[in-house]
Amino acid sequence: MKKYNLENRLIKFSVLIIEIVNEMPNSIACKTLSGQIIRSGTSVSLNYGEAQSGESRKDFIHKMKIVLKELRETFVALQIIHEANLFSDSDKIIEAKKENNELISIFVKSIETASKNR
């Protein structure tokens, strides 16, 4: 996958997270989880941008691992939201979880490849 395509995909994922957060109810649980996924789900795009200008291969790998950590955190939060029925549009949560899982797979493989080439 080209760098540009992955960056766009991460941005679209972050926008999807923002849409979900903006549509969530105003309960205490929703506020807490909304805050969590807005931070982790949007940081993936920002941290990926930082990784692209890593100062070394080691720095690049480190920043890619941060993106992976944030993706995993977002995935767990989405699972909680989905299983607790905190969001009414089940299809949108399923879409976000699917994309999130695919992005995790991409970053696991990218980190493995970068580590081998180090």
PDB file of N, CA and C in Angstrom:
ATOM      1  N   MET A   1       0.847  -1.182   0.000  1.00  0.00           N
ATOM      2  CA  MET A   1       0.000   0.000   0.000  1.00  0.00           C
ATOM      3  C   MET A   1       0.893   1.246   0.000  1.00  0.00           C
ATOM      4  N   LYS A   2       0.564   2.188  -0.827  1.00  0.00           N
ATOM      5  CA  LYS A   2       1.341   3.419  -0.914  1.00  0.00           C
ATOM      6  C   LYS A   2       1.137   4.266   0.340  1.00  0.00           C
ATOM      7  N   LYS A   3       2.178   5.015   0.689  1.00  0.00           N
ATOM      8  CA  LYS A   3       2.133   5.891   1.860  1.00  0.00           C
ATOM      9  C   LYS A   3       0.911   6.808   1.798  1.00  0.00           C
ATOM     10  N   TYR A   4       0.682   7.410   0.650  1.00  0.00           N
ATOM     11  CA  TYR A   4      -0.415   8.357   0.486  1.00  0.00           C
ATOM     12  C   TYR A   4      -1.756   7.676   0.761  1.00  0.00           C
ATOM     13  N   ASN A   5      -1.945   6.464   0.253  1.00  0.00           N
ATOM     14  CA  ASN A   5      -3.198   5.745   0.457  1.00  0.00           C
ATOM     15  C   ASN A   5      -3.420   5.406   1.922  1.00  0.00           C
ATOM     16  N   LEU A   6      -2.369   4.977   2.610  1.00  0.00           N
ATOM     17  CA  LEU A   6      -2.488   4.642   4.022  1.00  0.00           C
ATOM     18  C   LEU A   6      -2.791   5.886   4.841  1.00  0.00           C
ATOM     19  N   GLU A   7      -2.145   6.975   4.524  1.00  0.00           N
ATOM     20  CA  GLU A   7      -2.411   8.223   5.235  1.00  0.00           C
ATOM     21  C   GLU A   7      -3.874   8.646   5.046  1.00  0.00           C
ATOM     22  N   ASN A   8      -4.370   8.571   3.835  1.00  0.00           N
ATOM     23  CA  ASN A   8      -5.779   8.913   3.575  1.00  0.00           C
ATOM     24  C   ASN A   8      -6.717   7.969   4.307  1.00  0.00           C
ATOM     25  N   ARG A   9      -6.368   6.709   4.330  1.00  0.00           N
ATOM     26  CA  ARG A   9      -7.192   5.715   5.018  1.00  0.00           C
ATOM     27  C   ARG A   9      -7.241   6.006   6.519  1.00  0.00           C
ATOM     28  N   LEU A  10      -6.115   6.378   7.097  1.00  0.00           N
ATOM     29  CA  LEU A  10      -6.078   6.730   8.516  1.00  0.00           C
ATOM     30  C   LEU A  10      -6.906   7.985   8.796  1.00  0.00           C
ATOM     31  N   ILE A  11      -6.822   8.952   7.907  1.00  0.00           N
ATOM     32  CA  ILE A  11      -7.610  10.180   8.072  1.00  0.00           C
ATOM     33  C   ILE A  11      -9.102   9.852   7.994  1.00  0.00           C
ATOM     34  N   LYS A  12      -9.495   9.029   7.033  1.00  0.00           N
ATOM     35  CA  LYS A  12     -10.909   8.641   6.920  1.00  0.00           C
ATOM     36  C   LYS A  12     -11.366   7.885   8.160  1.00  0.00           C
ATOM     37  N   PHE A  13     -10.487   7.043   8.695  1.00  0.00           N
ATOM     38  CA  PHE A  13     -10.813   6.326   9.925  1.00  0.00           C
ATOM     39  C   PHE A  13     -11.013   7.325  11.071  1.00  0.00           C
ATOM     40  N   SER A  14     -10.137   8.292  11.184  1.00  0.00           N
ATOM     41  CA  SER A  14     -10.263   9.305  12.236  1.00  0.00           C
ATOM     42  C   SER A  14     -11.565  10.096  12.091  1.00  0.00           C
ATOM     43  N   VAL A  15     -11.941  10.408  10.861  1.00  0.00           N
ATOM     44  CA  VAL A  15     -13.204  11.115  10.610  1.00  0.00           C
ATOM     45  C   VAL A  15     -14.381  10.238  11.019  1.00  0.00           C
ATOM     46  N   LEU A  16     -14.322   8.952  10.727  1.00  0.00           N
ATOM     47  CA  LEU A  16     -15.377   8.024  11.137  1.00  0.00           C
ATOM     48  C   LEU A  16     -15.501   7.999  12.666  1.00  0.00           C
ATOM     49  N   ILE A  17     -14.393   8.009  13.361  1.00  0.00           N
ATOM     50  CA  ILE A  17     -14.408   8.050  14.826  1.00  0.00           C
ATOM     51  C   ILE A  17     -15.061   9.344  15.308  1.00  0.00           C
ATOM     52  N   ILE A  18     -14.724  10.454  14.693  1.00  0.00           N
ATOM     53  CA  ILE A  18     -15.329  11.747  15.060  1.00  0.00           C
ATOM     54  C   ILE A  18     -16.835  11.702  14.847  1.00  0.00           C
ATOM     55  N   GLU A  19     -17.271  11.129  13.723  1.00  0.00           N
ATOM     56  CA  GLU A  19     -18.713  11.014  13.452  1.00  0.00           C
ATOM     57  C   GLU A  19     -19.405  10.181  14.525  1.00  0.00           C
ATOM     58  N   ILE A  20     -18.797   9.081  14.907  1.00  0.00           N
ATOM     59  CA  ILE A  20     -19.381   8.232  15.948  1.00  0.00           C
ATOM     60  C   ILE A  20     -19.491   9.002  17.255  1.00  0.00           C
ATOM     61  N   VAL A  21     -18.422   9.657  17.644  1.00  0.00           N
ATOM     62  CA  VAL A  21     -18.417  10.429  18.901  1.00  0.00           C
ATOM     63  C   VAL A  21     -19.489  11.516  18.870  1.00  0.00           C
ATOM     64  N   ASN A  22     -19.610  12.197  17.751  1.00  0.00           N
ATOM     65  CA  ASN A  22     -20.594  13.284  17.648  1.00  0.00           C
ATOM     66  C   ASN A  22     -22.037  12.794  17.728  1.00  0.00           C
ATOM     67  N   GLU A  23     -22.253  11.516  17.431  1.00  0.00           N
ATOM     68  CA  GLU A  23     -23.606  10.950  17.456  1.00  0.00           C
ATOM     69  C   GLU A  23     -23.916  10.167  18.730  1.00  0.00           C
ATOM     70  N   MET A  24     -22.956  10.065  19.630  1.00  0.00           N
ATOM     71  CA  MET A  24     -23.184   9.286  20.850  1.00  0.00           C
ATOM     72  C   MET A  24     -24.026  10.072  21.850  1.00  0.00           C
ATOM     73  N   PRO A  25     -24.826   9.362  22.645  1.00  0.00           N
ATOM     74  CA  PRO A  25     -25.633  10.022  23.673  1.00  0.00           C
ATOM     75  C   PRO A  25     -24.752  10.712  24.720  1.00  0.00           C
ATOM     76  N   ASN A  26     -25.395  11.412  25.622  1.00  0.00           N
ATOM     77  CA  ASN A  26     -24.680  12.248  26.575  1.00  0.00           C
ATOM     78  C   ASN A  26     -24.581  11.614  27.970  1.00  0.00           C
ATOM     79  N   SER A  27     -24.586  10.293  28.062  1.00  0.00           N
ATOM     80  CA  SER A  27     -24.496   9.626  29.366  1.00  0.00           C
ATOM     81  C   SER A  27     -23.051   9.670  29.877  1.00  0.00           C
ATOM     82  N   ILE A  28     -22.879   9.338  31.136  1.00  0.00           N
ATOM     83  CA  ILE A  28     -21.533   9.342  31.726  1.00  0.00           C
ATOM     84  C   ILE A  28     -20.634   8.333  31.006  1.00  0.00           C
ATOM     85  N   ALA A  29     -21.142   7.129  30.771  1.00  0.00           N
ATOM     86  CA  ALA A  29     -20.349   6.103  30.077  1.00  0.00           C
ATOM     87  C   ALA A  29     -19.966   6.564  28.672  1.00  0.00           C
ATOM     88  N   CYS A  30     -20.923   7.158  27.964  1.00  0.00           N
ATOM     89  CA  CYS A  30     -20.655   7.620  26.600  1.00  0.00           C
ATOM     90  C   CYS A  30     -19.636   8.758  26.584  1.00  0.00           C
ATOM     91  N   LYS A  31     -19.757   9.668  27.521  1.00  0.00           N
ATOM     92  CA  LYS A  31     -18.790  10.773  27.598  1.00  0.00           C
ATOM     93  C   LYS A  31     -17.383  10.242  27.826  1.00  0.00           C
ATOM     94  N   THR A  32     -17.262   9.284  28.744  1.00  0.00           N
ATOM     95  CA  THR A  32     -15.952   8.718  29.072  1.00  0.00           C
ATOM     96  C   THR A  32     -15.351   8.000  27.868  1.00  0.00           C
ATOM     97  N   LEU A  33     -16.125   7.114  27.252  1.00  0.00           N
ATOM     98  CA  LEU A  33     -15.620   6.357  26.107  1.00  0.00           C
ATOM     99  C   LEU A  33     -15.444   7.244  24.872  1.00  0.00           C
ATOM    100  N   SER A  34     -16.297   8.252  24.733  1.00  0.00           N
ATOM    101  CA  SER A  34     -16.142   9.190  23.615  1.00  0.00           C
ATOM    102  C   SER A  34     -14.808   9.918  23.714  1.00  0.00           C
ATOM    103  N   GLY A  35     -14.497  10.370  24.911  1.00  0.00           N
ATOM    104  CA  GLY A  35     -13.222  11.056  25.115  1.00  0.00           C
ATOM    105  C   GLY A  35     -12.044  10.145  24.795  1.00  0.00           C
ATOM    106  N   GLN A  36     -12.185   8.891  25.176  1.00  0.00           N
ATOM    107  CA  GLN A  36     -11.118   7.924  24.937  1.00  0.00           C
ATOM    108  C   GLN A  36     -10.909   7.678  23.444  1.00  0.00           C
ATOM    109  N   ILE A  37     -11.987   7.384  22.726  1.00  0.00           N
ATOM    110  CA  ILE A  37     -11.797   7.054  21.302  1.00  0.00           C
ATOM    111  C   ILE A  37     -11.503   8.283  20.452  1.00  0.00           C
ATOM    112  N   ILE A  38     -11.914   9.458  20.896  1.00  0.00           N
ATOM    113  CA  ILE A  38     -11.571  10.655  20.115  1.00  0.00           C
ATOM    114  C   ILE A  38     -10.065  10.907  20.188  1.00  0.00           C
ATOM    115  N   ARG A  39      -9.478  10.632  21.355  1.00  0.00           N
ATOM    116  CA  ARG A  39      -8.029  10.811  21.493  1.00  0.00           C
ATOM    117  C   ARG A  39      -7.264   9.723  20.739  1.00  0.00           C
ATOM    118  N   SER A  40      -7.589   8.466  21.024  1.00  0.00           N
ATOM    119  CA  SER A  40      -6.826   7.382  20.406  1.00  0.00           C
ATOM    120  C   SER A  40      -7.141   7.226  18.916  1.00  0.00           C
ATOM    121  N   GLY A  41      -8.397   7.421  18.545  1.00  0.00           N
ATOM    122  CA  GLY A  41      -8.810   7.214  17.160  1.00  0.00           C
ATOM    123  C   GLY A  41      -8.382   8.300  16.195  1.00  0.00           C
ATOM    124  N   THR A  42      -8.110   9.495  16.716  1.00  0.00           N
ATOM    125  CA  THR A  42      -7.608  10.556  15.839  1.00  0.00           C
ATOM    126  C   THR A  42      -6.086  10.656  15.905  1.00  0.00           C
ATOM    127  N   SER A  43      -5.502  10.189  16.997  1.00  0.00           N
ATOM    128  CA  SER A  43      -4.042  10.269  17.120  1.00  0.00           C
ATOM    129  C   SER A  43      -3.341   9.356  16.115  1.00  0.00           C
ATOM    130  N   VAL A  44      -4.041   8.333  15.629  1.00  0.00           N
ATOM    131  CA  VAL A  44      -3.393   7.424  14.670  1.00  0.00           C
ATOM    132  C   VAL A  44      -2.959   8.167  13.411  1.00  0.00           C
ATOM    133  N   SER A  45      -3.783   9.070  12.932  1.00  0.00           N
ATOM    134  CA  SER A  45      -3.434   9.848  11.738  1.00  0.00           C
ATOM    135  C   SER A  45      -2.265  10.783  12.016  1.00  0.00           C
ATOM    136  N   LEU A  46      -2.331  11.431  13.159  1.00  0.00           N
ATOM    137  CA  LEU A  46      -1.294  12.398  13.522  1.00  0.00           C
ATOM    138  C   LEU A  46       0.047  11.714  13.776  1.00  0.00           C
ATOM    139  N   ASN A  47       0.021  10.601  14.493  1.00  0.00           N
ATOM    140  CA  ASN A  47       1.262   9.890  14.779  1.00  0.00           C
ATOM    141  C   ASN A  47       1.853   9.247  13.526  1.00  0.00           C
ATOM    142  N   TYR A  48       1.003   8.829  12.607  1.00  0.00           N
ATOM    143  CA  TYR A  48       1.516   8.281  11.353  1.00  0.00           C
ATOM    144  C   TYR A  48       2.260   9.370  10.580  1.00  0.00           C
ATOM    145  N   GLY A  49       1.712  10.580  10.598  1.00  0.00           N
ATOM    146  CA  GLY A  49       2.402  11.701   9.959  1.00  0.00           C
ATOM    147  C   GLY A  49       3.776  11.928  10.567  1.00  0.00           C
ATOM    148  N   GLU A  50       3.862  11.816  11.882  1.00  0.00           N
ATOM    149  CA  GLU A  50       5.160  11.952  12.556  1.00  0.00           C
ATOM    150  C   GLU A  50       6.100  10.830  12.166  1.00  0.00           C
ATOM    151  N   ALA A  51       5.584   9.625  12.065  1.00  0.00           N
ATOM    152  CA  ALA A  51       6.424   8.476  11.712  1.00  0.00           C
ATOM    153  C   ALA A  51       7.067   8.667  10.341  1.00  0.00           C
ATOM    154  N   GLN A  52       6.359   9.304   9.438  1.00  0.00           N
ATOM    155  CA  GLN A  52       6.874   9.513   8.083  1.00  0.00           C
ATOM    156  C   GLN A  52       8.113  10.398   8.062  1.00  0.00           C
ATOM    157  N   SER A  53       8.281  11.189   9.109  1.00  0.00           N
ATOM    158  CA  SER A  53       9.478  12.032   9.166  1.00  0.00           C
ATOM    159  C   SER A  53      10.380  11.598  10.322  1.00  0.00           C
ATOM    160  N   GLY A  54      10.379  10.293  10.586  1.00  0.00           N
ATOM    161  CA  GLY A  54      11.248   9.746  11.624  1.00  0.00           C
ATOM    162  C   GLY A  54      12.703  10.073  11.347  1.00  0.00           C
ATOM    163  N   GLU A  55      13.448  10.316  12.405  1.00  0.00           N
ATOM    164  CA  GLU A  55      14.851  10.712  12.264  1.00  0.00           C
ATOM    165  C   GLU A  55      15.760   9.542  11.914  1.00  0.00           C
ATOM    166  N   SER A  56      15.293   8.333  12.165  1.00  0.00           N
ATOM    167  CA  SER A  56      16.068   7.134  11.861  1.00  0.00           C
ATOM    168  C   SER A  56      15.091   5.978  11.690  1.00  0.00           C
ATOM    169  N   ARG A  57      15.596   4.837  11.270  1.00  0.00           N
ATOM    170  CA  ARG A  57      14.750   3.648  11.141  1.00  0.00           C
ATOM    171  C   ARG A  57      14.177   3.283  12.511  1.00  0.00           C
ATOM    172  N   LYS A  58      15.012   3.377  13.546  1.00  0.00           N
ATOM    173  CA  LYS A  58      14.577   3.062  14.907  1.00  0.00           C
ATOM    174  C   LYS A  58      13.452   4.005  15.346  1.00  0.00           C
ATOM    175  N   ASP A  59      13.598   5.287  15.046  1.00  0.00           N
ATOM    176  CA  ASP A  59      12.567   6.278  15.392  1.00  0.00           C
ATOM    177  C   ASP A  59      11.274   5.994  14.627  1.00  0.00           C
ATOM    178  N   PHE A  60      11.398   5.651  13.338  1.00  0.00           N
ATOM    179  CA  PHE A  60      10.248   5.314  12.514  1.00  0.00           C
ATOM    180  C   PHE A  60       9.489   4.129  13.121  1.00  0.00           C
ATOM    181  N   ILE A  61      10.212   3.077  13.483  1.00  0.00           N
ATOM    182  CA  ILE A  61       9.593   1.879  14.058  1.00  0.00           C
ATOM    183  C   ILE A  61       8.902   2.225  15.371  1.00  0.00           C
ATOM    184  N   HIS A  62       9.563   3.017  16.190  1.00  0.00           N
ATOM    185  CA  HIS A  62       8.980   3.424  17.470  1.00  0.00           C
ATOM    186  C   HIS A  62       7.653   4.160  17.257  1.00  0.00           C
ATOM    187  N   LYS A  63       7.621   5.079  16.321  1.00  0.00           N
ATOM    188  CA  LYS A  63       6.401   5.860  16.065  1.00  0.00           C
ATOM    189  C   LYS A  63       5.305   4.997  15.438  1.00  0.00           C
ATOM    190  N   MET A  64       5.694   4.039  14.622  1.00  0.00           N
ATOM    191  CA  MET A  64       4.714   3.116  14.054  1.00  0.00           C
ATOM    192  C   MET A  64       4.103   2.247  15.156  1.00  0.00           C
ATOM    193  N   LYS A  65       4.912   1.880  16.147  1.00  0.00           N
ATOM    194  CA  LYS A  65       4.406   1.108  17.283  1.00  0.00           C
ATOM    195  C   LYS A  65       3.421   1.927  18.113  1.00  0.00           C
ATOM    196  N   ILE A  66       3.633   3.232  18.178  1.00  0.00           N
ATOM    197  CA  ILE A  66       2.682   4.106  18.878  1.00  0.00           C
ATOM    198  C   ILE A  66       1.349   4.097  18.141  1.00  0.00           C
ATOM    199  N   VAL A  67       1.391   4.180  16.812  1.00  0.00           N
ATOM    200  CA  VAL A  67       0.159   4.115  16.014  1.00  0.00           C
ATOM    201  C   VAL A  67      -0.561   2.795  16.286  1.00  0.00           C
ATOM    202  N   LEU A  68       0.173   1.705  16.298  1.00  0.00           N
ATOM    203  CA  LEU A  68      -0.412   0.389  16.552  1.00  0.00           C
ATOM    204  C   LEU A  68      -1.049   0.332  17.936  1.00  0.00           C
ATOM    205  N   LYS A  69      -0.379   0.865  18.927  1.00  0.00           N
ATOM    206  CA  LYS A  69      -0.912   0.893  20.295  1.00  0.00           C
ATOM    207  C   LYS A  69      -2.228   1.673  20.334  1.00  0.00           C
ATOM    208  N   GLU A  70      -2.278   2.804  19.680  1.00  0.00           N
ATOM    209  CA  GLU A  70      -3.491   3.630  19.649  1.00  0.00           C
ATOM    210  C   GLU A  70      -4.620   2.931  18.892  1.00  0.00           C
ATOM    211  N   LEU A  71      -4.277   2.222  17.824  1.00  0.00           N
ATOM    212  CA  LEU A  71      -5.292   1.461  17.088  1.00  0.00           C
ATOM    213  C   LEU A  71      -5.888   0.367  17.963  1.00  0.00           C
ATOM    214  N   ARG A  72      -5.050  -0.324  18.701  1.00  0.00           N
ATOM    215  CA  ARG A  72      -5.544  -1.394  19.581  1.00  0.00           C
ATOM    216  C   ARG A  72      -6.430  -0.825  20.685  1.00  0.00           C
ATOM    217  N   GLU A  73      -6.026   0.301  21.231  1.00  0.00           N
ATOM    218  CA  GLU A  73      -6.825   0.961  22.271  1.00  0.00           C
ATOM    219  C   GLU A  73      -8.193   1.367  21.725  1.00  0.00           C
ATOM    220  N   THR A  74      -8.200   1.919  20.528  1.00  0.00           N
ATOM    221  CA  THR A  74      -9.450   2.325  19.896  1.00  0.00           C
ATOM    222  C   THR A  74     -10.343   1.117  19.641  1.00  0.00           C
ATOM    223  N   PHE A  75      -9.746   0.018  19.192  1.00  0.00           N
ATOM    224  CA  PHE A  75     -10.522  -1.185  18.907  1.00  0.00           C
ATOM    225  C   PHE A  75     -11.240  -1.692  20.155  1.00  0.00           C
ATOM    226  N   VAL A  76     -10.538  -1.746  21.276  1.00  0.00           N
ATOM    227  CA  VAL A  76     -11.153  -2.217  22.520  1.00  0.00           C
ATOM    228  C   VAL A  76     -12.284  -1.280  22.934  1.00  0.00           C
ATOM    229  N   ALA A  77     -12.069   0.021  22.825  1.00  0.00           N
ATOM    230  CA  ALA A  77     -13.123   0.986  23.178  1.00  0.00           C
ATOM    231  C   ALA A  77     -14.342   0.812  22.273  1.00  0.00           C
ATOM    232  N   LEU A  78     -14.122   0.590  20.982  1.00  0.00           N
ATOM    233  CA  LEU A  78     -15.238   0.358  20.063  1.00  0.00           C
ATOM    234  C   LEU A  78     -15.988  -0.916  20.423  1.00  0.00           C
ATOM    235  N   GLN A  79     -15.267  -1.947  20.827  1.00  0.00           N
ATOM    236  CA  GLN A  79     -15.917  -3.192  21.247  1.00  0.00           C
ATOM    237  C   GLN A  79     -16.802  -2.953  22.477  1.00  0.00           C
ATOM    238  N   ILE A  80     -16.294  -2.195  23.424  1.00  0.00           N
ATOM    239  CA  ILE A  80     -17.078  -1.890  24.629  1.00  0.00           C
ATOM    240  C   ILE A  80     -18.335  -1.116  24.253  1.00  0.00           C
ATOM    241  N   ILE A  81     -18.182  -0.099  23.416  1.00  0.00           N
ATOM    242  CA  ILE A  81     -19.331   0.702  22.973  1.00  0.00           C
ATOM    243  C   ILE A  81     -20.358  -0.183  22.283  1.00  0.00           C
ATOM    244  N   HIS A  82     -19.880  -1.076  21.422  1.00  0.00           N
ATOM    245  CA  HIS A  82     -20.774  -1.951  20.673  1.00  0.00           C
ATOM    246  C   HIS A  82     -21.488  -2.943  21.595  1.00  0.00           C
ATOM    247  N   GLU A  83     -20.737  -3.617  22.442  1.00  0.00           N
ATOM    248  CA  GLU A  83     -21.322  -4.643  23.303  1.00  0.00           C
ATOM    249  C   GLU A  83     -22.222  -4.064  24.393  1.00  0.00           C
ATOM    250  N   ALA A  84     -21.952  -2.829  24.803  1.00  0.00           N
ATOM    251  CA  ALA A  84     -22.796  -2.185  25.816  1.00  0.00           C
ATOM    252  C   ALA A  84     -23.972  -1.438  25.185  1.00  0.00           C
ATOM    253  N   ASN A  85     -24.090  -1.526  23.857  1.00  0.00           N
ATOM    254  CA  ASN A  85     -25.170  -0.841  23.119  1.00  0.00           C
ATOM    255  C   ASN A  85     -25.225   0.653  23.433  1.00  0.00           C
ATOM    256  N   LEU A  86     -24.060   1.287  23.437  1.00  0.00           N
ATOM    257  CA  LEU A  86     -23.986   2.715  23.723  1.00  0.00           C
ATOM    258  C   LEU A  86     -24.144   3.568  22.472  1.00  0.00           C
ATOM    259  N   PHE A  87     -24.224   2.932  21.318  1.00  0.00           N
ATOM    260  CA  PHE A  87     -24.349   3.658  20.054  1.00  0.00           C
ATOM    261  C   PHE A  87     -25.425   2.979  19.239  1.00  0.00           C
ATOM    262  N   SER A  88     -26.361   3.751  18.729  1.00  0.00           N
ATOM    263  CA  SER A  88     -27.537   3.180  18.074  1.00  0.00           C
ATOM    264  C   SER A  88     -27.269   2.629  16.671  1.00  0.00           C
ATOM    265  N   ASP A  89     -26.284   3.168  15.969  1.00  0.00           N
ATOM    266  CA  ASP A  89     -26.014   2.733  14.600  1.00  0.00           C
ATOM    267  C   ASP A  89     -25.004   1.582  14.602  1.00  0.00           C
ATOM    268  N   SER A  90     -25.513   0.383  14.766  1.00  0.00           N
ATOM    269  CA  SER A  90     -24.678  -0.814  14.850  1.00  0.00           C
ATOM    270  C   SER A  90     -23.800  -0.984  13.614  1.00  0.00           C
ATOM    271  N   ASP A  91     -24.334  -0.667  12.437  1.00  0.00           N
ATOM    272  CA  ASP A  91     -23.570  -0.815  11.197  1.00  0.00           C
ATOM    273  C   ASP A  91     -22.325   0.071  11.190  1.00  0.00           C
ATOM    274  N   LYS A  92     -22.456   1.281  11.718  1.00  0.00           N
ATOM    275  CA  LYS A  92     -21.333   2.207  11.733  1.00  0.00           C
ATOM    276  C   LYS A  92     -20.236   1.719  12.691  1.00  0.00           C
ATOM    277  N   ILE A  93     -20.632   1.172  13.819  1.00  0.00           N
ATOM    278  CA  ILE A  93     -19.654   0.629  14.769  1.00  0.00           C
ATOM    279  C   ILE A  93     -18.968  -0.585  14.157  1.00  0.00           C
ATOM    280  N   ILE A  94     -19.733  -1.447  13.503  1.00  0.00           N
ATOM    281  CA  ILE A  94     -19.155  -2.631  12.853  1.00  0.00           C
ATOM    282  C   ILE A  94     -18.174  -2.201  11.770  1.00  0.00           C
ATOM    283  N   GLU A  95     -18.530  -1.192  10.985  1.00  0.00           N
ATOM    284  CA  GLU A  95     -17.635  -0.656   9.946  1.00  0.00           C
ATOM    285  C   GLU A  95     -16.340  -0.137  10.570  1.00  0.00           C
ATOM    286  N   ALA A  96     -16.467   0.610  11.657  1.00  0.00           N
ATOM    287  CA  ALA A  96     -15.286   1.165  12.330  1.00  0.00           C
ATOM    288  C   ALA A  96     -14.400   0.047  12.888  1.00  0.00           C
ATOM    289  N   LYS A  97     -15.018  -0.971  13.486  1.00  0.00           N
ATOM    290  CA  LYS A  97     -14.244  -2.085  14.033  1.00  0.00           C
ATOM    291  C   LYS A  97     -13.533  -2.852  12.923  1.00  0.00           C
ATOM    292  N   LYS A  98     -14.204  -3.048  11.799  1.00  0.00           N
ATOM    293  CA  LYS A  98     -13.598  -3.760  10.667  1.00  0.00           C
ATOM    294  C   LYS A  98     -12.396  -2.983  10.133  1.00  0.00           C
ATOM    295  N   GLU A  99     -12.569  -1.705   9.905  1.00  0.00           N
ATOM    296  CA  GLU A  99     -11.472  -0.869   9.402  1.00  0.00           C
ATOM    297  C   GLU A  99     -10.338  -0.828  10.418  1.00  0.00           C
ATOM    298  N   ASN A 100     -10.679  -0.692  11.674  1.00  0.00           N
ATOM    299  CA  ASN A 100      -9.688  -0.655  12.741  1.00  0.00           C
ATOM    300  C   ASN A 100      -8.860  -1.935  12.727  1.00  0.00           C
ATOM    301  N   ASN A 101      -9.510  -3.071  12.630  1.00  0.00           N
ATOM    302  CA  ASN A 101      -8.825  -4.357  12.621  1.00  0.00           C
ATOM    303  C   ASN A 101      -7.911  -4.493  11.403  1.00  0.00           C
ATOM    304  N   GLU A 102      -8.374  -4.032  10.250  1.00  0.00           N
ATOM    305  CA  GLU A 102      -7.540  -4.075   9.048  1.00  0.00           C
ATOM    306  C   GLU A 102      -6.308  -3.192   9.197  1.00  0.00           C
ATOM    307  N   LEU A 103      -6.502  -2.016   9.794  1.00  0.00           N
ATOM    308  CA  LEU A 103      -5.367  -1.110  10.026  1.00  0.00           C
ATOM    309  C   LEU A 103      -4.368  -1.723  11.000  1.00  0.00           C
ATOM    310  N   ILE A 104      -4.861  -2.396  12.024  1.00  0.00           N
ATOM    311  CA  ILE A 104      -3.964  -3.084  12.957  1.00  0.00           C
ATOM    312  C   ILE A 104      -3.104  -4.085  12.196  1.00  0.00           C
ATOM    313  N   SER A 105      -3.723  -4.870  11.332  1.00  0.00           N
ATOM    314  CA  SER A 105      -2.989  -5.869  10.547  1.00  0.00           C
ATOM    315  C   SER A 105      -1.915  -5.224   9.674  1.00  0.00           C
ATOM    316  N   ILE A 106      -2.260  -4.120   9.051  1.00  0.00           N
ATOM    317  CA  ILE A 106      -1.306  -3.396   8.196  1.00  0.00           C
ATOM    318  C   ILE A 106      -0.107  -2.928   9.019  1.00  0.00           C
ATOM    319  N   PHE A 107      -0.379  -2.366  10.196  1.00  0.00           N
ATOM    320  CA  PHE A 107       0.713  -1.834  11.008  1.00  0.00           C
ATOM    321  C   PHE A 107       1.563  -2.940  11.623  1.00  0.00           C
ATOM    322  N   VAL A 108       0.960  -4.055  11.993  1.00  0.00           N
ATOM    323  CA  VAL A 108       1.750  -5.188  12.499  1.00  0.00           C
ATOM    324  C   VAL A 108       2.732  -5.625  11.423  1.00  0.00           C
ATOM    325  N   LYS A 109       2.246  -5.781  10.206  1.00  0.00           N
ATOM    326  CA  LYS A 109       3.097  -6.221   9.093  1.00  0.00           C
ATOM    327  C   LYS A 109       4.155  -5.164   8.758  1.00  0.00           C
ATOM    328  N   SER A 110       3.776  -3.916   8.751  1.00  0.00           N
ATOM    329  CA  SER A 110       4.728  -2.836   8.436  1.00  0.00           C
ATOM    330  C   SER A 110       5.859  -2.782   9.460  1.00  0.00           C
ATOM    331  N   ILE A 111       5.502  -2.936  10.719  1.00  0.00           N
ATOM    332  CA  ILE A 111       6.503  -2.912  11.790  1.00  0.00           C
ATOM    333  C   ILE A 111       7.434  -4.118  11.663  1.00  0.00           C
ATOM    334  N   GLU A 112       6.870  -5.283  11.367  1.00  0.00           N
ATOM    335  CA  GLU A 112       7.696  -6.483  11.169  1.00  0.00           C
ATOM    336  C   GLU A 112       8.687  -6.282  10.012  1.00  0.00           C
ATOM    337  N   THR A 113       8.195  -5.749   8.905  1.00  0.00           N
ATOM    338  CA  THR A 113       9.038  -5.516   7.731  1.00  0.00           C
ATOM    339  C   THR A 113      10.132  -4.495   8.034  1.00  0.00           C
ATOM    340  N   ALA A 114       9.751  -3.404   8.673  1.00  0.00           N
ATOM    341  CA  ALA A 114      10.737  -2.353   8.996  1.00  0.00           C
ATOM    342  C   ALA A 114      11.783  -2.886   9.970  1.00  0.00           C
ATOM    343  N   SER A 115      11.360  -3.722  10.907  1.00  0.00           N
ATOM    344  CA  SER A 115      12.301  -4.289  11.875  1.00  0.00           C
ATOM    345  C   SER A 115      13.276  -5.241  11.209  1.00  0.00           C
ATOM    346  N   LYS A 116      12.792  -6.038  10.252  1.00  0.00           N
ATOM    347  CA  LYS A 116      13.669  -6.954   9.520  1.00  0.00           C
ATOM    348  C   LYS A 116      14.705  -6.188   8.697  1.00  0.00           C
ATOM    349  N   ASN A 117      14.283  -5.062   8.115  1.00  0.00           N
ATOM    350  CA  ASN A 117      15.151  -4.279   7.236  1.00  0.00           C
ATOM    351  C   ASN A 117      16.076  -3.345   8.004  1.00  0.00           C
ATOM    352  N   ARG A 118      16.009  -3.376   9.302  1.00  0.00           N
ATOM    353  CA  ARG A 118      16.803  -2.465  10.128  1.00  0.00           C
ATOM    354  C   ARG A 118      18.252  -2.821  10.142  1.00  0.00           C
TER     355      ARG A 118
END
